[in-house]
Amino acid sequence: MNRDQGQHYGPDQQIDVEELVEFLARQMVDEPEQVRVHRQGQTLLIRVGEGEEGRLIGRQGRVIQAIRTLARSATPPRSRLTVDLDGPRSAHKEKRRP
């Protein structure tokens, strides 16, 4: 894609953070059509297909941390936005136990 094509954001324009997070999450998983992002208060929750959580978390949490960093950089400085995975975490922990 040519640099002159597409959307440009200036200092007075805001990026839709939900769209940004959804785009990034879709790039990380095998089934991008199952990615859903919704806001709950000051938190953006990402839901992915079954078994895809690990791809979104990444090794030592690096992928999700990078998504959080990019999302925070696209919000106003005093905003307290957080990004997290949506879904029952306790169910995932129980699967790991023998």
Protein backbone atom coordinates (compact mmCIF):
# COMPACT_ATOMS: atom_id res chain seq x y z
CA MET A 1 0.00 0.00 0.00
CA ASN A 2 1.25 3.43 -0.92
CA ARG A 3 1.91 5.71 2.02
CA ASP A 4 -0.31 8.38 0.50
CA GLN A 5 -3.31 6.05 0.56
CA GLY A 6 -5.33 5.17 3.63
CA GLN A 7 -6.30 7.21 6.64
CA HIS A 8 -4.00 9.73 8.25
CA TYR A 9 -4.27 10.91 11.82
CA GLY A 10 -3.13 14.33 12.85
CA PRO A 11 -2.53 15.66 16.36
CA ASP A 12 -6.15 16.85 16.67
CA GLN A 13 -7.71 13.54 15.54
CA GLN A 14 -8.44 10.58 17.78
CA ILE A 15 -7.90 6.96 16.90
CA ASP A 16 -10.72 4.58 17.78
CA VAL A 17 -8.91 2.51 20.39
CA GLU A 18 -11.43 -0.35 20.21
CA GLU A 19 -10.78 -0.67 16.46
CA LEU A 20 -7.03 -0.56 17.04
CA VAL A 21 -7.14 -3.31 19.68
CA GLU A 22 -9.44 -5.45 17.54
CA PHE A 23 -7.16 -5.05 14.51
CA LEU A 24 -4.08 -6.04 16.53
CA ALA A 25 -5.82 -9.01 18.13
CA ARG A 26 -7.05 -10.26 14.75
CA GLN A 27 -3.46 -10.26 13.46
CA MET A 28 -2.33 -12.55 16.28
CA VAL A 29 -4.84 -15.41 16.06
CA ASP A 30 -5.65 -18.18 13.59
CA GLU A 31 -9.38 -17.42 13.57
CA PRO A 32 -9.65 -13.61 13.33
CA GLU A 33 -13.40 -13.71 12.67
CA GLN A 34 -13.91 -14.87 16.28
CA VAL A 35 -12.21 -11.84 17.82
CA ARG A 36 -14.57 -9.53 19.70
CA VAL A 37 -13.65 -6.37 21.60
CA HIS A 38 -16.04 -4.56 23.89
CA ARG A 39 -15.74 -1.86 26.50
CA GLN A 40 -16.71 -2.39 30.11
CA GLY A 41 -16.14 0.85 31.96
CA GLN A 42 -12.49 1.82 31.53
CA THR A 43 -11.52 -1.69 30.36
CA LEU A 44 -11.40 -3.07 26.85
CA LEU A 45 -12.08 -6.80 26.91
CA ILE A 46 -10.85 -9.03 24.10
CA ARG A 47 -12.56 -12.35 23.43
CA VAL A 48 -10.90 -14.83 21.08
CA GLY A 49 -11.74 -18.33 19.87
CA GLU A 50 -11.23 -21.33 22.10
CA GLY A 51 -7.56 -22.19 22.54
CA GLU A 52 -6.32 -18.91 21.04
CA GLU A 53 -5.69 -17.10 24.33
CA GLY A 54 -2.05 -18.18 24.36
CA ARG A 55 -1.39 -16.58 21.00
CA LEU A 56 -2.79 -13.29 22.27
CA ILE A 57 -0.86 -13.45 25.53
CA GLY A 58 2.43 -14.44 23.92
CA ARG A 59 5.57 -15.61 25.62
CA GLN A 60 5.86 -14.10 29.08
CA GLY A 61 2.87 -11.88 28.24
CA ARG A 62 4.77 -9.82 25.70
CA VAL A 63 2.04 -9.69 23.03
CA ILE A 64 -0.78 -8.58 25.33
CA GLN A 65 1.57 -6.09 26.99
CA ALA A 66 2.45 -4.61 23.59
CA ILE A 67 -1.26 -4.30 22.74
CA ARG A 68 -1.84 -2.55 26.09
CA THR A 69 1.02 -0.15 25.43
CA LEU A 70 -0.27 0.75 21.96
CA ALA A 71 -3.83 1.18 23.26
CA ARG A 72 -2.66 3.50 26.05
CA SER A 73 -0.59 5.54 23.61
CA ALA A 74 -3.73 6.10 21.51
CA THR A 75 -5.73 7.51 24.44
CA PRO A 76 -5.57 10.90 26.16
CA PRO A 77 -2.76 11.14 28.74
CA ARG A 78 -5.03 11.11 31.80
CA SER A 79 -7.20 8.25 30.59
CA ARG A 80 -7.04 5.07 32.68
CA LEU A 81 -7.75 2.56 29.95
CA THR A 82 -6.85 -1.08 30.55
CA VAL A 83 -6.92 -3.99 28.12
CA ASP A 84 -7.61 -7.54 29.24
CA LEU A 85 -8.77 -10.89 27.94
CA ASP A 86 -12.45 -11.69 28.32
CA GLY A 87 -13.46 -15.14 29.42
CA PRO A 88 -13.44 -17.49 32.35
CA ARG A 89 -9.84 -17.65 33.51
CA SER A 90 -10.54 -20.12 36.29
CA ALA A 91 -11.73 -22.66 33.70
CA HIS A 92 -8.39 -22.39 31.91
CA LYS A 93 -6.47 -22.90 35.14
CA GLU A 94 -8.53 -25.95 36.02
CA LYS A 95 -7.68 -27.57 32.67
CA ARG A 96 -3.98 -27.41 33.47
CA ARG A 97 -4.28 -29.25 36.77
CA PRO A 98 -3.76 -33.02 36.55
